[in-house]
Amino acid sequence: MPELAEVRVVCDALNKTIKNKKIVEIKIFKSKLFKEKSVQEFKEILTDKTILKVENKGKHIIIYLNENLVLLSHLRMEGKYRFYNKGEENFDTHLICTFHFKDGSYLNYLDSRMFGTFHLRNLQNYDKILPLSKVANEPKNVDINNLYEKIKKSTSSIKTKLLDQTLVSGIGNIYIDEALFLAKVHPETKANRISRDELKEIIDFSAEVMQKSYEYGGTTLFSYESMNSLEGKYQELLKVHNDKIKNCSICKSKIEKIKVNGRMSYFCPNCQKRK
């Protein structure tokens, strides 16, 4: 699943390609991903709207339109955008919808798993109702004291807690493993055994790792692409979360894998001792 770094890269790509473009038609091929309104309503509302800018909140893509409208897009596991200029052919598979623009260019949304979602919202309240209303701050904006109060009595693993998007947004399986490695915290350590200082260190490392990944275009381990098959490069800098990494870069111990609450987790058993 694209995490915060990857979603930011996708937003940059969308801003470069579709900002200020006017939608003249939207073709919807799979209605399942369009939530709360009918396909016809989506088509009628989006037609003749202009895209003003694209931002994100956590893993959610926010497409601002004129007339105080907002289109929310979540890529989930396999969502991808691909942009084409006028006259360019495409051979995209798993096509969900196509946005056609006044200048003849168009944007395809693909999703082989069909887990992605689209919601239409008003600018006045788009962040006050689901799905955005429960999305927490990103790591760089987290109030550590407030977060610590929320997790200090939990017997869940610290990894599980920090993957909860209502507590911290944007952190996914790759970057939590990387942050826990840098903080020397075992992924199964219970949240109630993490000190405030340790929590701050984990959050700071999460922000640092994701910022660096963003600068490298994200992490492509399986199928992530920012747009038009452009893959990220940060996988080359990962410390633990990669099957290609056999030994710890610090102590040379063998990197181990376990499942934590159903998530495959990579760690160094020597550097990340159980507490």
C-alpha atoms as a PDB file:
ATOM      1  CA  MET A   1       0.000   0.000   0.000  1.00  0.00           C
ATOM      2  CA  PRO A   2       1.307   3.490  -0.814  1.00  0.00           C
ATOM      3  CA  GLU A   3       2.228   5.234   2.444  1.00  0.00           C
ATOM      4  CA  LEU A   4       2.580   8.938   3.217  1.00  0.00           C
ATOM      5  CA  ALA A   5       5.776   9.402   1.199  1.00  0.00           C
ATOM      6  CA  GLU A   6       4.309   7.743  -1.884  1.00  0.00           C
ATOM      7  CA  VAL A   7       1.006   9.626  -1.665  1.00  0.00           C
ATOM      8  CA  ARG A   8       2.898  12.931  -1.489  1.00  0.00           C
ATOM      9  CA  VAL A   9       4.818  11.974  -4.630  1.00  0.00           C
ATOM     10  CA  VAL A  10       1.564  11.078  -6.410  1.00  0.00           C
ATOM     11  CA  CYS A  11       0.075  14.449  -5.397  1.00  0.00           C
ATOM     12  CA  ASP A  12       3.103  16.226  -6.853  1.00  0.00           C
ATOM     13  CA  ALA A  13       2.668  14.313 -10.109  1.00  0.00           C
ATOM     14  CA  LEU A  14      -1.038  15.154 -10.249  1.00  0.00           C
ATOM     15  CA  ASN A  15      -0.359  18.846  -9.619  1.00  0.00           C
ATOM     16  CA  LYS A  16       2.147  18.881 -12.469  1.00  0.00           C
ATOM     17  CA  THR A  17      -0.232  17.231 -14.919  1.00  0.00           C
ATOM     18  CA  ILE A  18      -3.869  18.087 -14.116  1.00  0.00           C
ATOM     19  CA  LYS A  19      -3.828  21.321 -12.083  1.00  0.00           C
ATOM     20  CA  ASN A  20      -6.030  24.023 -13.702  1.00  0.00           C
ATOM     21  CA  LYS A  21      -7.498  21.532 -16.175  1.00  0.00           C
ATOM     22  CA  LYS A  22     -11.239  21.487 -16.819  1.00  0.00           C
ATOM     23  CA  ILE A  23     -13.046  18.146 -16.701  1.00  0.00           C
ATOM     24  CA  VAL A  24     -15.376  17.776 -19.690  1.00  0.00           C
ATOM     25  CA  GLU A  25     -16.283  14.131 -19.154  1.00  0.00           C
ATOM     26  CA  ILE A  26     -15.671  11.312 -16.700  1.00  0.00           C
ATOM     27  CA  LYS A  27     -16.119   7.720 -17.799  1.00  0.00           C
ATOM     28  CA  ILE A  28     -16.670   5.255 -14.956  1.00  0.00           C
ATOM     29  CA  PHE A  29     -16.133   1.577 -15.711  1.00  0.00           C
ATOM     30  CA  LYS A  30     -16.296   0.133 -12.189  1.00  0.00           C
ATOM     31  CA  SER A  31     -18.882   1.721  -9.903  1.00  0.00           C
ATOM     32  CA  LYS A  32     -17.768  -0.144  -6.766  1.00  0.00           C
ATOM     33  CA  LEU A  33     -15.097   2.424  -5.877  1.00  0.00           C
ATOM     34  CA  PHE A  34     -17.443   5.428  -6.011  1.00  0.00           C
ATOM     35  CA  LYS A  35     -19.018   5.858  -2.610  1.00  0.00           C
ATOM     36  CA  GLU A  36     -22.282   7.357  -1.282  1.00  0.00           C
ATOM     37  CA  LYS A  37     -23.456   8.776  -4.618  1.00  0.00           C
ATOM     38  CA  SER A  38     -24.530   7.100  -7.836  1.00  0.00           C
ATOM     39  CA  VAL A  39     -22.262   6.921 -10.858  1.00  0.00           C
ATOM     40  CA  GLN A  40     -24.586   9.335 -12.630  1.00  0.00           C
ATOM     41  CA  GLU A  41     -24.307  11.833  -9.768  1.00  0.00           C
ATOM     42  CA  PHE A  42     -20.508  11.638  -9.857  1.00  0.00           C
ATOM     43  CA  LYS A  43     -20.550  12.271 -13.607  1.00  0.00           C
ATOM     44  CA  GLU A  44     -22.967  15.197 -13.400  1.00  0.00           C
ATOM     45  CA  ILE A  45     -21.214  16.877 -10.480  1.00  0.00           C
ATOM     46  CA  LEU A  46     -17.665  16.517 -11.856  1.00  0.00           C
ATOM     47  CA  THR A  47     -18.424  17.550 -15.442  1.00  0.00           C
ATOM     48  CA  ASP A  48     -17.299  21.128 -16.224  1.00  0.00           C
ATOM     49  CA  LYS A  49     -15.376  21.412 -12.956  1.00  0.00           C
ATOM     50  CA  THR A  50     -11.810  22.745 -12.883  1.00  0.00           C
ATOM     51  CA  ILE A  51      -9.075  21.169 -10.774  1.00  0.00           C
ATOM     52  CA  LEU A  52      -7.533  23.874  -8.585  1.00  0.00           C
ATOM     53  CA  LYS A  53      -4.875  21.915  -6.701  1.00  0.00           C
ATOM     54  CA  VAL A  54      -4.087  18.507  -5.221  1.00  0.00           C
ATOM     55  CA  GLU A  55      -2.966  17.897  -1.638  1.00  0.00           C
ATOM     56  CA  ASN A  56      -3.010  15.039   0.851  1.00  0.00           C
ATOM     57  CA  LYS A  57      -3.981  14.300   4.413  1.00  0.00           C
ATOM     58  CA  GLY A  58      -2.199  11.157   5.502  1.00  0.00           C
ATOM     59  CA  LYS A  59      -2.772   8.570   2.778  1.00  0.00           C
ATOM     60  CA  HIS A  60      -5.805  10.403   1.362  1.00  0.00           C
ATOM     61  CA  ILE A  61      -5.507  12.424  -1.857  1.00  0.00           C
ATOM     62  CA  ILE A  62      -7.536  15.649  -1.815  1.00  0.00           C
ATOM     63  CA  ILE A  63      -8.466  17.101  -5.220  1.00  0.00           C
ATOM     64  CA  TYR A  64      -9.844  20.630  -4.860  1.00  0.00           C
ATOM     65  CA  LEU A  65     -12.330  21.742  -7.519  1.00  0.00           C
ATOM     66  CA  ASN A  66     -14.068  25.019  -8.259  1.00  0.00           C
ATOM     67  CA  GLU A  67     -17.567  25.665  -6.894  1.00  0.00           C
ATOM     68  CA  ASN A  68     -16.346  24.624  -3.420  1.00  0.00           C
ATOM     69  CA  LEU A  69     -16.148  20.929  -4.244  1.00  0.00           C
ATOM     70  CA  VAL A  70     -13.581  18.357  -3.142  1.00  0.00           C
ATOM     71  CA  LEU A  71     -12.905  14.911  -4.608  1.00  0.00           C
ATOM     72  CA  LEU A  72     -11.256  12.502  -2.173  1.00  0.00           C
ATOM     73  CA  SER A  73      -9.227   9.591  -3.527  1.00  0.00           C
ATOM     74  CA  HIS A  74      -7.603   6.757  -1.590  1.00  0.00           C
ATOM     75  CA  LEU A  75      -5.276   4.406  -3.475  1.00  0.00           C
ATOM     76  CA  ARG A  76      -5.459   1.571  -0.909  1.00  0.00           C
ATOM     77  CA  MET A  77      -3.348  -1.381  -2.100  1.00  0.00           C
ATOM     78  CA  GLU A  78      -2.941  -0.997  -5.848  1.00  0.00           C
ATOM     79  CA  GLY A  79      -4.453   2.297  -7.020  1.00  0.00           C
ATOM     80  CA  LYS A  80      -2.514   4.136  -9.755  1.00  0.00           C
ATOM     81  CA  TYR A  81      -2.947   7.258 -11.860  1.00  0.00           C
ATOM     82  CA  ARG A  82      -1.700   7.599 -15.428  1.00  0.00           C
ATOM     83  CA  PHE A  83      -1.811  10.813 -17.452  1.00  0.00           C
ATOM     84  CA  TYR A  84      -1.881  11.097 -21.247  1.00  0.00           C
ATOM     85  CA  ASN A  85      -1.692  14.088 -23.561  1.00  0.00           C
ATOM     86  CA  LYS A  86      -4.119  14.585 -26.433  1.00  0.00           C
ATOM     87  CA  GLY A  87      -3.808  11.828 -29.005  1.00  0.00           C
ATOM     88  CA  GLU A  88      -1.663   9.545 -26.853  1.00  0.00           C
ATOM     89  CA  GLU A  89      -2.801   5.934 -26.781  1.00  0.00           C
ATOM     90  CA  ASN A  90      -2.775   3.805 -23.672  1.00  0.00           C
ATOM     91  CA  PHE A  91      -2.880   0.100 -23.012  1.00  0.00           C
ATOM     92  CA  ASP A  92      -3.886   0.306 -19.357  1.00  0.00           C
ATOM     93  CA  THR A  93      -5.544  -2.676 -17.729  1.00  0.00           C
ATOM     94  CA  HIS A  94      -7.710  -2.732 -14.597  1.00  0.00           C
ATOM     95  CA  LEU A  95      -9.180   0.623 -15.641  1.00  0.00           C
ATOM     96  CA  ILE A  96     -11.643   2.098 -13.142  1.00  0.00           C
ATOM     97  CA  CYS A  97     -12.337   5.532 -14.596  1.00  0.00           C
ATOM     98  CA  THR A  98     -11.056   8.172 -17.012  1.00  0.00           C
ATOM     99  CA  PHE A  99     -11.135  11.941 -16.516  1.00  0.00           C
ATOM    100  CA  HIS A 100     -11.227  13.725 -19.898  1.00  0.00           C
ATOM    101  CA  PHE A 101     -10.027  17.344 -19.961  1.00  0.00           C
ATOM    102  CA  LYS A 102     -10.901  20.282 -22.207  1.00  0.00           C
ATOM    103  CA  ASP A 103      -7.461  20.329 -23.856  1.00  0.00           C
ATOM    104  CA  GLY A 104      -7.834  16.712 -24.990  1.00  0.00           C
ATOM    105  CA  SER A 105      -5.576  15.203 -22.334  1.00  0.00           C
ATOM    106  CA  TYR A 106      -6.933  12.585 -19.959  1.00  0.00           C
ATOM    107  CA  LEU A 107      -6.215  10.849 -16.657  1.00  0.00           C
ATOM    108  CA  ASN A 108      -6.785   7.141 -16.037  1.00  0.00           C
ATOM    109  CA  TYR A 109      -7.252   5.588 -12.620  1.00  0.00           C
ATOM    110  CA  LEU A 110      -6.289   1.895 -12.424  1.00  0.00           C
ATOM    111  CA  ASP A 111      -6.829  -0.509  -9.556  1.00  0.00           C
ATOM    112  CA  SER A 112      -6.259  -4.248  -9.937  1.00  0.00           C
ATOM    113  CA  ARG A 113      -7.566  -5.014  -6.440  1.00  0.00           C
ATOM    114  CA  MET A 114     -10.421  -2.485  -6.557  1.00  0.00           C
ATOM    115  CA  PHE A 115      -9.901  -1.456  -2.933  1.00  0.00           C
ATOM    116  CA  GLY A 116      -9.496   2.257  -3.707  1.00  0.00           C
ATOM    117  CA  THR A 117     -12.252   4.779  -2.996  1.00  0.00           C
ATOM    118  CA  PHE A 118     -13.666   8.071  -4.268  1.00  0.00           C
ATOM    119  CA  HIS A 119     -15.829  10.441  -2.217  1.00  0.00           C
ATOM    120  CA  LEU A 120     -17.324  13.811  -3.170  1.00  0.00           C
ATOM    121  CA  ARG A 121     -17.429  16.480  -0.478  1.00  0.00           C
ATOM    122  CA  ASN A 122     -18.111  20.178   0.041  1.00  0.00           C
ATOM    123  CA  LEU A 123     -15.146  22.397   0.848  1.00  0.00           C
ATOM    124  CA  GLN A 124     -16.838  23.616   4.025  1.00  0.00           C
ATOM    125  CA  ASN A 125     -16.926  20.249   5.769  1.00  0.00           C
ATOM    126  CA  TYR A 126     -14.834  17.712   3.829  1.00  0.00           C
ATOM    127  CA  ASP A 127     -12.408  17.250   6.733  1.00  0.00           C
ATOM    128  CA  LYS A 128     -15.097  17.105   9.419  1.00  0.00           C
ATOM    129  CA  ILE A 129     -16.879  13.968   8.222  1.00  0.00           C
ATOM    130  CA  LEU A 130     -15.666  10.509   7.257  1.00  0.00           C
ATOM    131  CA  PRO A 131     -13.307   9.435   5.855  1.00  0.00           C
ATOM    132  CA  LEU A 132     -11.074  12.392   6.822  1.00  0.00           C
ATOM    133  CA  SER A 133     -12.591  13.298  10.182  1.00  0.00           C
ATOM    134  CA  LYS A 134     -10.771  10.482  11.980  1.00  0.00           C
ATOM    135  CA  VAL A 135      -7.427  10.882  10.210  1.00  0.00           C
ATOM    136  CA  ALA A 136      -4.797  12.035  12.705  1.00  0.00           C
ATOM    137  CA  ASN A 137      -1.810  14.323  12.194  1.00  0.00           C
ATOM    138  CA  GLU A 138       1.215  13.187  10.222  1.00  0.00           C
ATOM    139  CA  PRO A 139       4.358  12.346  12.258  1.00  0.00           C
ATOM    140  CA  LYS A 140       5.940  15.780  11.806  1.00  0.00           C
ATOM    141  CA  ASN A 141       2.866  17.417  13.380  1.00  0.00           C
ATOM    142  CA  VAL A 142       2.119  14.910  16.133  1.00  0.00           C
ATOM    143  CA  ASP A 143       1.672  16.132  19.703  1.00  0.00           C
ATOM    144  CA  ILE A 144       3.871  13.585  21.484  1.00  0.00           C
ATOM    145  CA  ASN A 145       2.366  14.212  24.910  1.00  0.00           C
ATOM    146  CA  ASN A 146      -1.142  13.685  23.587  1.00  0.00           C
ATOM    147  CA  LEU A 147      -0.134  10.546  21.686  1.00  0.00           C
ATOM    148  CA  TYR A 148       1.674   9.144  24.701  1.00  0.00           C
ATOM    149  CA  GLU A 149      -1.445   9.575  26.839  1.00  0.00           C
ATOM    150  CA  LYS A 150      -3.446   7.610  24.273  1.00  0.00           C
ATOM    151  CA  ILE A 151      -1.111   4.619  24.111  1.00  0.00           C
ATOM    152  CA  LYS A 152       0.556   4.416  27.520  1.00  0.00           C
ATOM    153  CA  LYS A 153      -1.909   1.863  28.911  1.00  0.00           C
ATOM    154  CA  SER A 154      -2.278  -0.238  25.776  1.00  0.00           C
ATOM    155  CA  THR A 155      -1.107  -3.846  25.737  1.00  0.00           C
ATOM    156  CA  SER A 156      -1.062  -3.862  21.923  1.00  0.00           C
ATOM    157  CA  SER A 157       2.330  -3.798  20.233  1.00  0.00           C
ATOM    158  CA  ILE A 158       3.838  -0.392  19.567  1.00  0.00           C
ATOM    159  CA  LYS A 159       3.900  -1.272  15.871  1.00  0.00           C
ATOM    160  CA  THR A 160       0.168  -1.977  15.831  1.00  0.00           C
ATOM    161  CA  LYS A 161      -0.637   1.261  17.653  1.00  0.00           C
ATOM    162  CA  LEU A 162       1.442   3.439  15.340  1.00  0.00           C
ATOM    163  CA  LEU A 163      -0.177   1.927  12.255  1.00  0.00           C
ATOM    164  CA  ASP A 164      -3.537   3.185  13.557  1.00  0.00           C
ATOM    165  CA  GLN A 165      -4.350   6.136  11.281  1.00  0.00           C
ATOM    166  CA  THR A 166      -6.564   7.691  13.961  1.00  0.00           C
ATOM    167  CA  LEU A 167      -3.475   8.094  16.167  1.00  0.00           C
ATOM    168  CA  VAL A 168      -0.812   8.969  13.579  1.00  0.00           C
ATOM    169  CA  SER A 169      -1.501   9.246   9.859  1.00  0.00           C
ATOM    170  CA  GLY A 170       0.635   8.155   6.960  1.00  0.00           C
ATOM    171  CA  ILE A 171       2.841   5.528   8.592  1.00  0.00           C
ATOM    172  CA  GLY A 172       2.577   2.132   6.934  1.00  0.00           C
ATOM    173  CA  ASN A 173       4.251  -1.227   7.276  1.00  0.00           C
ATOM    174  CA  ILE A 174       7.497  -0.315   5.530  1.00  0.00           C
ATOM    175  CA  TYR A 175       8.272   2.874   7.406  1.00  0.00           C
ATOM    176  CA  ILE A 176       7.245   1.698  10.858  1.00  0.00           C
ATOM    177  CA  ASP A 177       9.725  -1.190  10.510  1.00  0.00           C
ATOM    178  CA  GLU A 178      12.433   1.251   9.441  1.00  0.00           C
ATOM    179  CA  ALA A 179      11.658   3.678  12.283  1.00  0.00           C
ATOM    180  CA  LEU A 180      11.589   0.929  14.923  1.00  0.00           C
ATOM    181  CA  PHE A 181      14.951  -0.327  13.683  1.00  0.00           C
ATOM    182  CA  LEU A 182      16.502   3.130  13.936  1.00  0.00           C
ATOM    183  CA  ALA A 183      15.008   3.574  17.417  1.00  0.00           C
ATOM    184  CA  LYS A 184      16.194   0.066  18.417  1.00  0.00           C
ATOM    185  CA  VAL A 185      12.698  -1.002  19.477  1.00  0.00           C
ATOM    186  CA  HIS A 186      11.392  -4.533  18.882  1.00  0.00           C
ATOM    187  CA  PRO A 187       8.127  -4.449  16.863  1.00  0.00           C
ATOM    188  CA  GLU A 188       6.338  -6.662  19.413  1.00  0.00           C
ATOM    189  CA  THR A 189       7.167  -4.390  22.356  1.00  0.00           C
ATOM    190  CA  LYS A 190       3.913  -3.522  24.084  1.00  0.00           C
ATOM    191  CA  ALA A 191       2.926   0.127  23.836  1.00  0.00           C
ATOM    192  CA  ASN A 192       2.637   0.408  27.614  1.00  0.00           C
ATOM    193  CA  ARG A 193       6.353  -0.360  27.905  1.00  0.00           C
ATOM    194  CA  ILE A 194       7.413   2.496  25.652  1.00  0.00           C
ATOM    195  CA  SER A 195       8.590   5.652  27.402  1.00  0.00           C
ATOM    196  CA  ARG A 196       7.634   9.128  26.253  1.00  0.00           C
ATOM    197  CA  ASP A 197      11.190   9.713  25.025  1.00  0.00           C
ATOM    198  CA  GLU A 198      11.214   6.428  23.105  1.00  0.00           C
ATOM    199  CA  LEU A 199       7.891   7.305  21.518  1.00  0.00           C
ATOM    200  CA  LYS A 200       9.230  10.684  20.428  1.00  0.00           C
ATOM    201  CA  GLU A 201      12.268   9.013  18.910  1.00  0.00           C
ATOM    202  CA  ILE A 202      10.130   6.543  16.945  1.00  0.00           C
ATOM    203  CA  ILE A 203       7.882   9.323  15.649  1.00  0.00           C
ATOM    204  CA  ASP A 204      10.869  11.505  14.746  1.00  0.00           C
ATOM    205  CA  PHE A 205      12.498   8.641  12.858  1.00  0.00           C
ATOM    206  CA  SER A 206       9.200   7.940  11.072  1.00  0.00           C
ATOM    207  CA  ALA A 207       9.033  11.540   9.871  1.00  0.00           C
ATOM    208  CA  GLU A 208      12.701  11.511   8.879  1.00  0.00           C
ATOM    209  CA  VAL A 209      12.507   8.250   6.938  1.00  0.00           C
ATOM    210  CA  MET A 210       9.335   9.221   5.095  1.00  0.00           C
ATOM    211  CA  GLN A 211      10.724  12.636   4.170  1.00  0.00           C
ATOM    212  CA  LYS A 212      13.827  11.020   2.714  1.00  0.00           C
ATOM    213  CA  SER A 213      11.700   8.451   0.881  1.00  0.00           C
ATOM    214  CA  TYR A 214       9.594  11.276  -0.548  1.00  0.00           C
ATOM    215  CA  GLU A 215      12.763  12.913  -1.858  1.00  0.00           C
ATOM    216  CA  TYR A 216      13.656   9.617  -3.576  1.00  0.00           C
ATOM    217  CA  GLY A 217      10.238   9.273  -5.184  1.00  0.00           C
ATOM    218  CA  GLY A 218       8.905   6.746  -2.672  1.00  0.00           C
ATOM    219  CA  THR A 219       9.572   3.049  -2.164  1.00  0.00           C
ATOM    220  CA  THR A 220       8.788   0.460  -4.844  1.00  0.00           C
ATOM    221  CA  LEU A 221       9.004  -3.062  -3.452  1.00  0.00           C
ATOM    222  CA  PHE A 222       6.116  -4.546  -5.391  1.00  0.00           C
ATOM    223  CA  SER A 223       3.968  -2.421  -7.672  1.00  0.00           C
ATOM    224  CA  TYR A 224       3.988   1.200  -6.469  1.00  0.00           C
ATOM    225  CA  GLU A 225       4.424   3.880  -9.122  1.00  0.00           C
ATOM    226  CA  SER A 226       3.897   7.618  -8.789  1.00  0.00           C
ATOM    227  CA  MET A 227       2.500   8.037 -12.307  1.00  0.00           C
ATOM    228  CA  ASN A 228       2.960   6.456 -15.721  1.00  0.00           C
ATOM    229  CA  SER A 229       5.056   3.559 -14.385  1.00  0.00           C
ATOM    230  CA  LEU A 230       7.625   5.813 -12.662  1.00  0.00           C
ATOM    231  CA  GLU A 231       8.937   3.802  -9.702  1.00  0.00           C
ATOM    232  CA  GLY A 232      10.446   5.063  -6.464  1.00  0.00           C
ATOM    233  CA  LYS A 233      14.090   4.617  -5.469  1.00  0.00           C
ATOM    234  CA  TYR A 234      14.059   4.574  -1.678  1.00  0.00           C
ATOM    235  CA  GLN A 235      13.977   0.771  -1.533  1.00  0.00           C
ATOM    236  CA  GLU A 236      17.715   0.959  -2.196  1.00  0.00           C
ATOM    237  CA  LEU A 237      18.193   2.727   1.164  1.00  0.00           C
ATOM    238  CA  LEU A 238      15.980   0.565   3.383  1.00  0.00           C
ATOM    239  CA  LYS A 239      17.670  -0.892   6.466  1.00  0.00           C
ATOM    240  CA  VAL A 240      15.438  -3.881   7.247  1.00  0.00           C
ATOM    241  CA  HIS A 241      12.130  -3.988   5.357  1.00  0.00           C
ATOM    242  CA  ASN A 242      13.283  -5.747   2.220  1.00  0.00           C
ATOM    243  CA  ASP A 243      13.788  -9.444   1.488  1.00  0.00           C
ATOM    244  CA  LYS A 244      17.023  -8.544  -0.273  1.00  0.00           C
ATOM    245  CA  ILE A 245      18.505  -7.349   3.034  1.00  0.00           C
ATOM    246  CA  LYS A 246      19.982 -10.391   4.759  1.00  0.00           C
ATOM    247  CA  ASN A 247      22.051  -8.878   7.569  1.00  0.00           C
ATOM    248  CA  CYS A 248      21.865  -5.904   9.903  1.00  0.00           C
ATOM    249  CA  SER A 249      23.915  -2.947   8.680  1.00  0.00           C
ATOM    250  CA  ILE A 250      25.032  -2.253  12.266  1.00  0.00           C
ATOM    251  CA  CYS A 251      25.830  -5.608  13.901  1.00  0.00           C
ATOM    252  CA  LYS A 252      25.652  -7.991  10.903  1.00  0.00           C
ATOM    253  CA  SER A 253      23.087 -10.226  12.639  1.00  0.00           C
ATOM    254  CA  LYS A 254      20.596 -11.939  10.370  1.00  0.00           C
ATOM    255  CA  ILE A 255      17.455  -9.881   9.758  1.00  0.00           C
ATOM    256  CA  GLU A 256      14.404 -11.794  10.976  1.00  0.00           C
ATOM    257  CA  LYS A 257      10.750 -11.730   9.931  1.00  0.00           C
ATOM    258  CA  ILE A 258       7.694 -12.274  12.091  1.00  0.00           C
ATOM    259  CA  LYS A 259       4.032 -11.415  11.805  1.00  0.00           C
ATOM    260  CA  VAL A 260       2.789  -8.682  14.133  1.00  0.00           C
ATOM    261  CA  ASN A 261      -0.996  -8.434  14.115  1.00  0.00           C
ATOM    262  CA  GLY A 262      -1.027  -9.966  10.642  1.00  0.00           C
ATOM    263  CA  ARG A 263       1.678  -7.668   9.246  1.00  0.00           C
ATOM    264  CA  MET A 264       5.013  -9.050   8.101  1.00  0.00           C
ATOM    265  CA  SER A 265       7.647  -7.327  10.217  1.00  0.00           C
ATOM    266  CA  TYR A 266      11.397  -7.105   9.650  1.00  0.00           C
ATOM    267  CA  PHE A 267      13.841  -6.462  12.493  1.00  0.00           C
ATOM    268  CA  CYS A 268      17.307  -7.148  13.893  1.00  0.00           C
ATOM    269  CA  PRO A 269      17.041  -9.468  16.936  1.00  0.00           C
ATOM    270  CA  ASN A 270      20.286  -8.098  18.349  1.00  0.00           C
ATOM    271  CA  CYS A 271      19.751  -4.352  17.921  1.00  0.00           C
ATOM    272  CA  GLN A 272      16.035  -4.506  18.680  1.00  0.00           C
ATOM    273  CA  LYS A 273      15.801  -6.436  21.928  1.00  0.00           C
ATOM    274  CA  ARG A 274      12.457  -7.463  23.379  1.00  0.00           C
ATOM    275  CA  LYS A 275      11.343  -5.501  26.440  1.00  0.00           C
END
